[in-house]
PDB file of all heavy atoms in Angstrom:
ATOM      1  N   ALA A   1       0.840  -9.570 -35.556  1.00  0.00           N
ATOM      2  CA  ALA A   1       1.057  -8.957 -34.251  1.00  0.00           C
ATOM      3  C   ALA A   1       0.865  -7.458 -34.322  1.00  0.00           C
ATOM      4  O   ALA A   1       1.153  -6.820 -35.334  1.00  0.00           O
ATOM      5  CB  ALA A   1       2.464  -9.277 -33.747  1.00  0.00           C
ATOM      6  N   ASP A   2       0.390  -6.880 -33.236  1.00  0.00           N
ATOM      7  CA  ASP A   2       0.195  -5.449 -33.147  1.00  0.00           C
ATOM      8  C   ASP A   2       1.533  -4.797 -32.824  1.00  0.00           C
ATOM      9  O   ASP A   2       2.085  -4.960 -31.744  1.00  0.00           O
ATOM     10  CB  ASP A   2      -0.823  -5.131 -32.028  1.00  0.00           C
ATOM     11  CG  ASP A   2      -1.179  -3.652 -31.982  1.00  0.00           C
ATOM     12  OD1 ASP A   2      -0.514  -2.863 -32.678  1.00  0.00           O
ATOM     13  OD2 ASP A   2      -2.118  -3.299 -31.233  1.00  0.00           O
ATOM     14  N   VAL A   3       2.065  -4.024 -33.791  1.00  0.00           N
ATOM     15  CA  VAL A   3       3.383  -3.424 -33.624  1.00  0.00           C
ATOM     16  C   VAL A   3       3.361  -2.272 -32.630  1.00  0.00           C
ATOM     17  O   VAL A   3       4.416  -1.769 -32.225  1.00  0.00           O
ATOM     18  CB  VAL A   3       3.928  -2.926 -34.983  1.00  0.00           C
ATOM     19  CG1 VAL A   3       4.151  -4.086 -35.927  1.00  0.00           C
ATOM     20  CG2 VAL A   3       2.985  -1.888 -35.594  1.00  0.00           C
ATOM     21  N   ASN A   4       2.165  -1.829 -32.237  1.00  0.00           N
ATOM     22  CA  ASN A   4       2.066  -0.696 -31.326  1.00  0.00           C
ATOM     23  C   ASN A   4       2.063  -1.106 -29.852  1.00  0.00           C
ATOM     24  O   ASN A   4       2.040  -0.265 -28.974  1.00  0.00           O
ATOM     25  CB  ASN A   4       0.775   0.099 -31.613  1.00  0.00           C
ATOM     26  CG  ASN A   4       0.824   0.763 -32.987  1.00  0.00           C
ATOM     27  OD1 ASN A   4       1.853   1.302 -33.365  1.00  0.00           O
ATOM     28  ND2 ASN A   4      -0.285   0.703 -33.715  1.00  0.00           N
ATOM     29  N   VAL A   5       2.042  -2.409 -29.591  1.00  0.00           N
ATOM     30  CA  VAL A   5       2.040  -2.884 -28.220  1.00  0.00           C
ATOM     31  C   VAL A   5       3.395  -2.613 -27.582  1.00  0.00           C
ATOM     32  O   VAL A   5       4.434  -2.966 -28.117  1.00  0.00           O
ATOM     33  CB  VAL A   5       1.723  -4.395 -28.158  1.00  0.00           C
ATOM     34  CG1 VAL A   5       1.858  -4.893 -26.722  1.00  0.00           C
ATOM     35  CG2 VAL A   5       0.320  -4.662 -28.684  1.00  0.00           C
ATOM     36  N   LYS A   6       3.367  -1.955 -26.414  1.00  0.00           N
ATOM     37  CA  LYS A   6       4.617  -1.641 -25.724  1.00  0.00           C
ATOM     38  C   LYS A   6       5.174  -2.887 -25.043  1.00  0.00           C
ATOM     39  O   LYS A   6       4.425  -3.636 -24.425  1.00  0.00           O
ATOM     40  CB  LYS A   6       4.375  -0.567 -24.644  1.00  0.00           C
ATOM     41  CG  LYS A   6       3.922   0.771 -25.184  1.00  0.00           C
ATOM     42  CD  LYS A   6       3.696   1.727 -24.017  1.00  0.00           C
ATOM     43  CE  LYS A   6       3.195   3.074 -24.498  1.00  0.00           C
ATOM     44  NZ  LYS A   6       2.934   3.993 -23.348  1.00  0.00           N
ATOM     45  N   PRO A   7       6.489  -3.110 -25.163  1.00  0.00           N
ATOM     46  CA  PRO A   7       7.068  -4.236 -24.428  1.00  0.00           C
ATOM     47  C   PRO A   7       7.002  -3.969 -22.930  1.00  0.00           C
ATOM     48  O   PRO A   7       7.126  -2.820 -22.492  1.00  0.00           O
ATOM     49  CB  PRO A   7       8.523  -4.259 -24.921  1.00  0.00           C
ATOM     50  CG  PRO A   7       8.799  -2.850 -25.362  1.00  0.00           C
ATOM     51  CD  PRO A   7       7.490  -2.344 -25.923  1.00  0.00           C
ATOM     52  N   GLY A   8       6.797  -5.009 -22.154  1.00  0.00           N
ATOM     53  CA  GLY A   8       6.732  -4.836 -20.704  1.00  0.00           C
ATOM     54  C   GLY A   8       8.105  -4.522 -20.145  1.00  0.00           C
ATOM     55  O   GLY A   8       9.132  -4.757 -20.789  1.00  0.00           O
ATOM     56  N   PRO A   9       8.159  -3.951 -18.960  1.00  0.00           N
ATOM     57  CA  PRO A   9       9.451  -3.635 -18.350  1.00  0.00           C
ATOM     58  C   PRO A   9      10.233  -4.903 -18.041  1.00  0.00           C
ATOM     59  O   PRO A   9       9.658  -5.952 -17.777  1.00  0.00           O
ATOM     60  CB  PRO A   9       9.057  -2.898 -17.063  1.00  0.00           C
ATOM     61  CG  PRO A   9       7.662  -3.337 -16.775  1.00  0.00           C
ATOM     62  CD  PRO A   9       7.030  -3.573 -18.114  1.00  0.00           C
ATOM     63  N   ARG A  10      11.547  -4.787 -18.112  1.00  0.00           N
ATOM     64  CA  ARG A  10      12.415  -5.936 -17.846  1.00  0.00           C
ATOM     65  C   ARG A  10      12.294  -6.358 -16.387  1.00  0.00           C
ATOM     66  O   ARG A  10      12.265  -5.522 -15.481  1.00  0.00           O
ATOM     67  CB  ARG A  10      13.865  -5.556 -18.168  1.00  0.00           C
ATOM     68  CG  ARG A  10      14.860  -6.677 -18.013  1.00  0.00           C
ATOM     69  CD  ARG A  10      16.183  -6.270 -18.634  1.00  0.00           C
ATOM     70  NE  ARG A  10      16.696  -5.061 -18.024  1.00  0.00           N
ATOM     71  CZ  ARG A  10      17.494  -5.039 -16.955  1.00  0.00           C
ATOM     72  NH1 ARG A  10      17.841  -6.191 -16.378  1.00  0.00           N
ATOM     73  NH2 ARG A  10      17.940  -3.898 -16.463  1.00  0.00           N
ATOM     74  N   ARG A  11      12.218  -7.659 -16.165  1.00  0.00           N
ATOM     75  CA  ARG A  11      12.102  -8.186 -14.803  1.00  0.00           C
ATOM     76  C   ARG A  11      13.444  -8.053 -14.096  1.00  0.00           C
ATOM     77  O   ARG A  11      14.471  -8.503 -14.603  1.00  0.00           O
ATOM     78  CB  ARG A  11      11.665  -9.647 -14.841  1.00  0.00           C
ATOM     79  CG  ARG A  11      11.372 -10.248 -13.465  1.00  0.00           C
ATOM     80  CD  ARG A  11      10.838 -11.655 -13.615  1.00  0.00           C
ATOM     81  NE  ARG A  11      10.592 -12.279 -12.338  1.00  0.00           N
ATOM     82  CZ  ARG A  11       9.479 -12.126 -11.626  1.00  0.00           C
ATOM     83  NH1 ARG A  11       8.512 -11.369 -12.099  1.00  0.00           N
ATOM     84  NH2 ARG A  11       9.328 -12.736 -10.466  1.00  0.00           N
ATOM     85  N   LEU A  12      13.450  -7.419 -12.951  1.00  0.00           N
ATOM     86  CA  LEU A  12      14.675  -7.194 -12.197  1.00  0.00           C
ATOM     87  C   LEU A  12      14.835  -8.287 -11.140  1.00  0.00           C
ATOM     88  O   LEU A  12      14.273  -8.202 -10.049  1.00  0.00           O
ATOM     89  CB  LEU A  12      14.642  -5.810 -11.550  1.00  0.00           C
ATOM     90  CG  LEU A  12      14.478  -4.628 -12.519  1.00  0.00           C
ATOM     91  CD1 LEU A  12      14.420  -3.319 -11.752  1.00  0.00           C
ATOM     92  CD2 LEU A  12      15.631  -4.601 -13.525  1.00  0.00           C
ATOM     93  N   ILE A  13      15.606  -9.300 -11.473  1.00  0.00           N
ATOM     94  CA  ILE A  13      15.770 -10.454 -10.591  1.00  0.00           C
ATOM     95  C   ILE A  13      16.421 -10.051  -9.273  1.00  0.00           C
ATOM     96  O   ILE A  13      16.038 -10.528  -8.197  1.00  0.00           O
ATOM     97  CB  ILE A  13      16.613 -11.541 -11.284  1.00  0.00           C
ATOM     98  CG1 ILE A  13      15.962 -11.968 -12.613  1.00  0.00           C
ATOM     99  CG2 ILE A  13      16.776 -12.742 -10.350  1.00  0.00           C
ATOM    100  CD1 ILE A  13      14.577 -12.532 -12.456  1.00  0.00           C
ATOM    101  N   SER A  14      17.407  -9.146  -9.330  1.00  0.00           N
ATOM    102  CA  SER A  14      18.112  -8.749  -8.110  1.00  0.00           C
ATOM    103  C   SER A  14      17.171  -8.060  -7.129  1.00  0.00           C
ATOM    104  O   SER A  14      17.263  -8.274  -5.915  1.00  0.00           O
ATOM    105  CB  SER A  14      19.277  -7.820  -8.455  1.00  0.00           C
ATOM    106  OG  SER A  14      18.807  -6.652  -9.137  1.00  0.00           O
ATOM    107  N   VAL A  15      16.258  -7.226  -7.651  1.00  0.00           N
ATOM    108  CA  VAL A  15      15.309  -6.528  -6.781  1.00  0.00           C
ATOM    109  C   VAL A  15      14.331  -7.516  -6.168  1.00  0.00           C
ATOM    110  O   VAL A  15      13.987  -7.428  -4.983  1.00  0.00           O
ATOM    111  CB  VAL A  15      14.561  -5.433  -7.568  1.00  0.00           C
ATOM    112  CG1 VAL A  15      13.472  -4.801  -6.697  1.00  0.00           C
ATOM    113  CG2 VAL A  15      15.530  -4.366  -8.043  1.00  0.00           C
ATOM    114  N   GLN A  16      13.867  -8.471  -6.970  1.00  0.00           N
ATOM    115  CA  GLN A  16      12.965  -9.501  -6.446  1.00  0.00           C
ATOM    116  C   GLN A  16      13.666 -10.332  -5.372  1.00  0.00           C
ATOM    117  O   GLN A  16      13.047 -10.746  -4.377  1.00  0.00           O
ATOM    118  CB  GLN A  16      12.475 -10.402  -7.585  1.00  0.00           C
ATOM    119  CG  GLN A  16      11.621  -9.689  -8.622  1.00  0.00           C
ATOM    120  CD  GLN A  16      10.349  -9.106  -8.043  1.00  0.00           C
ATOM    121  OE1 GLN A  16       9.841  -9.565  -7.036  1.00  0.00           O
ATOM    122  NE2 GLN A  16       9.827  -8.061  -8.686  1.00  0.00           N
ATOM    123  N   GLY A  17      14.955 -10.581  -5.591  1.00  0.00           N
ATOM    124  CA  GLY A  17      15.719 -11.315  -4.587  1.00  0.00           C
ATOM    125  C   GLY A  17      15.821 -10.532  -3.285  1.00  0.00           C
ATOM    126  O   GLY A  17      15.733 -11.111  -2.192  1.00  0.00           O
ATOM    127  N   LEU A  18      16.013  -9.210  -3.394  1.00  0.00           N
ATOM    128  CA  LEU A  18      16.078  -8.357  -2.204  1.00  0.00           C
ATOM    129  C   LEU A  18      14.747  -8.367  -1.469  1.00  0.00           C
ATOM    130  O   LEU A  18      14.709  -8.424  -0.229  1.00  0.00           O
ATOM    131  CB  LEU A  18      16.437  -6.930  -2.618  1.00  0.00           C
ATOM    132  CG  LEU A  18      16.642  -5.918  -1.484  1.00  0.00           C
ATOM    133  CD1 LEU A  18      17.782  -6.363  -0.579  1.00  0.00           C
ATOM    134  CD2 LEU A  18      16.927  -4.530  -2.073  1.00  0.00           C
ATOM    135  N   ARG A  19      13.663  -8.335  -2.217  1.00  0.00           N
ATOM    136  CA  ARG A  19      12.331  -8.405  -1.599  1.00  0.00           C
ATOM    137  C   ARG A  19      12.155  -9.739  -0.872  1.00  0.00           C
ATOM    138  O   ARG A  19      11.628  -9.782   0.241  1.00  0.00           O
ATOM    139  CB  ARG A  19      11.251  -8.236  -2.662  1.00  0.00           C
ATOM    140  CG  ARG A  19       9.843  -8.422  -2.137  1.00  0.00           C
ATOM    141  CD  ARG A  19       8.825  -8.379  -3.268  1.00  0.00           C
ATOM    142  NE  ARG A  19       8.439  -7.029  -3.606  1.00  0.00           N
ATOM    143  CZ  ARG A  19       7.531  -6.733  -4.547  1.00  0.00           C
ATOM    144  NH1 ARG A  19       6.972  -7.709  -5.249  1.00  0.00           N
ATOM    145  NH2 ARG A  19       7.209  -5.483  -4.792  1.00  0.00           N
ATOM    146  N   GLY A  20      12.598 -10.830  -1.507  1.00  0.00           N
ATOM    147  CA  GLY A  20      12.496 -12.137  -0.871  1.00  0.00           C
ATOM    148  C   GLY A  20      13.307 -12.210   0.415  1.00  0.00           C
ATOM    149  O   GLY A  20      12.857 -12.781   1.412  1.00  0.00           O
ATOM    150  N   LEU A  21      14.509 -11.605   0.406  1.00  0.00           N
ATOM    151  CA  LEU A  21      15.354 -11.578   1.605  1.00  0.00           C
ATOM    152  C   LEU A  21      14.651 -10.816   2.725  1.00  0.00           C
ATOM    153  O   LEU A  21      14.666 -11.252   3.887  1.00  0.00           O
ATOM    154  CB  LEU A  21      16.696 -10.925   1.277  1.00  0.00           C
ATOM    155  CG  LEU A  21      17.642 -10.714   2.472  1.00  0.00           C
ATOM    156  CD1 LEU A  21      18.038 -12.053   3.087  1.00  0.00           C
ATOM    157  CD2 LEU A  21      18.881  -9.937   2.030  1.00  0.00           C
ATOM    158  N   ALA A  22      14.021  -9.687   2.371  1.00  0.00           N
ATOM    159  CA  ALA A  22      13.306  -8.888   3.373  1.00  0.00           C
ATOM    160  C   ALA A  22      12.178  -9.698   4.000  1.00  0.00           C
ATOM    161  O   ALA A  22      11.959  -9.655   5.213  1.00  0.00           O
ATOM    162  CB  ALA A  22      12.750  -7.613   2.725  1.00  0.00           C
ATOM    163  N   VAL A  23      11.457 -10.449   3.170  1.00  0.00           N
ATOM    164  CA  VAL A  23      10.357 -11.277   3.675  1.00  0.00           C
ATOM    165  C   VAL A  23      10.874 -12.327   4.657  1.00  0.00           C
ATOM    166  O   VAL A  23      10.290 -12.539   5.727  1.00  0.00           O
ATOM    167  CB  VAL A  23       9.608 -11.951   2.509  1.00  0.00           C
ATOM    168  CG1 VAL A  23       8.617 -12.985   3.035  1.00  0.00           C
ATOM    169  CG2 VAL A  23       8.863 -10.912   1.674  1.00  0.00           C
ATOM    170  N   VAL A  24      11.986 -12.974   4.311  1.00  0.00           N
ATOM    171  CA  VAL A  24      12.562 -14.011   5.176  1.00  0.00           C
ATOM    172  C   VAL A  24      12.969 -13.416   6.521  1.00  0.00           C
ATOM    173  O   VAL A  24      12.708 -13.998   7.588  1.00  0.00           O
ATOM    174  CB  VAL A  24      13.778 -14.666   4.492  1.00  0.00           C
ATOM    175  CG1 VAL A  24      14.520 -15.564   5.485  1.00  0.00           C
ATOM    176  CG2 VAL A  24      13.324 -15.478   3.283  1.00  0.00           C
ATOM    177  N   VAL A  25      13.589 -12.232   6.491  1.00  0.00           N
ATOM    178  CA  VAL A  25      14.036 -11.591   7.735  1.00  0.00           C
ATOM    179  C   VAL A  25      12.845 -11.230   8.613  1.00  0.00           C
ATOM    180  O   VAL A  25      12.868 -11.425   9.833  1.00  0.00           O
ATOM    181  CB  VAL A  25      14.881 -10.340   7.420  1.00  0.00           C
ATOM    182  CG1 VAL A  25      15.175  -9.558   8.695  1.00  0.00           C
ATOM    183  CG2 VAL A  25      16.183 -10.733   6.740  1.00  0.00           C
ATOM    184  N   VAL A  26      11.777 -10.710   7.987  1.00  0.00           N
ATOM    185  CA  VAL A  26      10.571 -10.357   8.753  1.00  0.00           C
ATOM    186  C   VAL A  26       9.944 -11.608   9.367  1.00  0.00           C
ATOM    187  O   VAL A  26       9.501 -11.597  10.524  1.00  0.00           O
ATOM    188  CB  VAL A  26       9.549  -9.632   7.853  1.00  0.00           C
ATOM    189  CG1 VAL A  26       8.215  -9.462   8.573  1.00  0.00           C
ATOM    190  CG2 VAL A  26      10.088  -8.269   7.440  1.00  0.00           C
ATOM    191  N   ILE A  27       9.911 -12.689   8.607  1.00  0.00           N
ATOM    192  CA  ILE A  27       9.373 -13.947   9.134  1.00  0.00           C
ATOM    193  C   ILE A  27      10.185 -14.405  10.340  1.00  0.00           C
ATOM    194  O   ILE A  27       9.634 -14.842  11.361  1.00  0.00           O
ATOM    195  CB  ILE A  27       9.368 -15.037   8.042  1.00  0.00           C
ATOM    196  CG1 ILE A  27       8.305 -14.715   6.984  1.00  0.00           C
ATOM    197  CG2 ILE A  27       9.098 -16.413   8.665  1.00  0.00           C
ATOM    198  CD1 ILE A  27       8.341 -15.649   5.791  1.00  0.00           C
ATOM    199  N   LEU A  28      11.499 -14.290  10.262  1.00  0.00           N
ATOM    200  CA  LEU A  28      12.362 -14.710  11.362  1.00  0.00           C
ATOM    201  C   LEU A  28      12.086 -13.910  12.635  1.00  0.00           C
ATOM    202  O   LEU A  28      12.051 -14.475  13.737  1.00  0.00           O
ATOM    203  CB  LEU A  28      13.837 -14.573  10.966  1.00  0.00           C
ATOM    204  CG  LEU A  28      14.381 -15.648  10.020  1.00  0.00           C
ATOM    205  CD1 LEU A  28      15.797 -15.304   9.588  1.00  0.00           C
ATOM    206  CD2 LEU A  28      14.353 -17.019  10.699  1.00  0.00           C
ATOM    207  N   VAL A  29      11.886 -12.598  12.492  1.00  0.00           N
ATOM    208  CA  VAL A  29      11.647 -11.795  13.694  1.00  0.00           C
ATOM    209  C   VAL A  29      10.301 -12.130  14.314  1.00  0.00           C
ATOM    210  O   VAL A  29      10.149 -12.149  15.547  1.00  0.00           O
ATOM    211  CB  VAL A  29      11.754 -10.280  13.393  1.00  0.00           C
ATOM    212  CG1 VAL A  29      10.555  -9.757  12.652  1.00  0.00           C
ATOM    213  CG2 VAL A  29      11.920  -9.490  14.696  1.00  0.00           C
ATOM    214  N   HIS A  30       9.302 -12.453  13.490  1.00  0.00           N
ATOM    215  CA  HIS A  30       8.011 -12.833  14.046  1.00  0.00           C
ATOM    216  C   HIS A  30       8.075 -14.216  14.687  1.00  0.00           C
ATOM    217  O   HIS A  30       7.413 -14.459  15.709  1.00  0.00           O
ATOM    218  CB  HIS A  30       6.934 -12.777  12.960  1.00  0.00           C
ATOM    219  CG  HIS A  30       6.510 -11.383  12.621  1.00  0.00           C
ATOM    220  ND1 HIS A  30       5.868 -10.570  13.521  1.00  0.00           N
ATOM    221  CD2 HIS A  30       6.667 -10.653  11.482  1.00  0.00           C
ATOM    222  CE1 HIS A  30       5.630  -9.392  12.953  1.00  0.00           C
ATOM    223  NE2 HIS A  30       6.110  -9.422  11.732  1.00  0.00           N
ATOM    224  N   LEU A  31       8.876 -15.104  14.125  1.00  0.00           N
ATOM    225  CA  LEU A  31       9.080 -16.405  14.770  1.00  0.00           C
ATOM    226  C   LEU A  31       9.789 -16.232  16.107  1.00  0.00           C
ATOM    227  O   LEU A  31       9.496 -16.938  17.078  1.00  0.00           O
ATOM    228  CB  LEU A  31       9.898 -17.319  13.844  1.00  0.00           C
ATOM    229  CG  LEU A  31       9.172 -17.877  12.622  1.00  0.00           C
ATOM    230  CD1 LEU A  31      10.147 -18.658  11.744  1.00  0.00           C
ATOM    231  CD2 LEU A  31       8.005 -18.760  13.041  1.00  0.00           C
ATOM    232  N   HIS A  32      10.716 -15.275  16.158  1.00  0.00           N
ATOM    233  CA  HIS A  32      11.400 -14.986  17.417  1.00  0.00           C
ATOM    234  C   HIS A  32      10.405 -14.517  18.469  1.00  0.00           C
ATOM    235  O   HIS A  32      10.453 -14.955  19.624  1.00  0.00           O
ATOM    236  CB  HIS A  32      12.470 -13.922  17.193  1.00  0.00           C
ATOM    237  CG  HIS A  32      12.916 -13.245  18.448  1.00  0.00           C
ATOM    238  ND1 HIS A  32      13.679 -13.872  19.402  1.00  0.00           N
ATOM    239  CD2 HIS A  32      12.677 -11.991  18.917  1.00  0.00           C
ATOM    240  CE1 HIS A  32      13.905 -13.034  20.407  1.00  0.00           C
ATOM    241  NE2 HIS A  32      13.308 -11.896  20.140  1.00  0.00           N
ATOM    242  N   HIS A  33       9.487 -13.608  18.082  1.00  0.00           N
ATOM    243  CA  HIS A  33       8.481 -13.121  19.021  1.00  0.00           C
ATOM    244  C   HIS A  33       7.589 -14.269  19.510  1.00  0.00           C
ATOM    245  O   HIS A  33       7.243 -14.342  20.696  1.00  0.00           O
ATOM    246  CB  HIS A  33       7.611 -12.053  18.343  1.00  0.00           C
ATOM    247  CG  HIS A  33       8.333 -10.773  18.151  1.00  0.00           C
ATOM    248  ND1 HIS A  33       7.894  -9.791  17.288  1.00  0.00           N
ATOM    249  CD2 HIS A  33       9.479 -10.285  18.694  1.00  0.00           C
ATOM    250  CE1 HIS A  33       8.721  -8.774  17.320  1.00  0.00           C
ATOM    251  NE2 HIS A  33       9.695  -9.045  18.156  1.00  0.00           N
TER     252      HIS A  33
END
């Protein structure tokens, strides 16, 4: 293995969850329209 390869950033589940919540809310408002 190449020891110089940088590890990727840690996946932030809480932030992804917040993004998913935002998407659901936007979908709801467009369904309302």
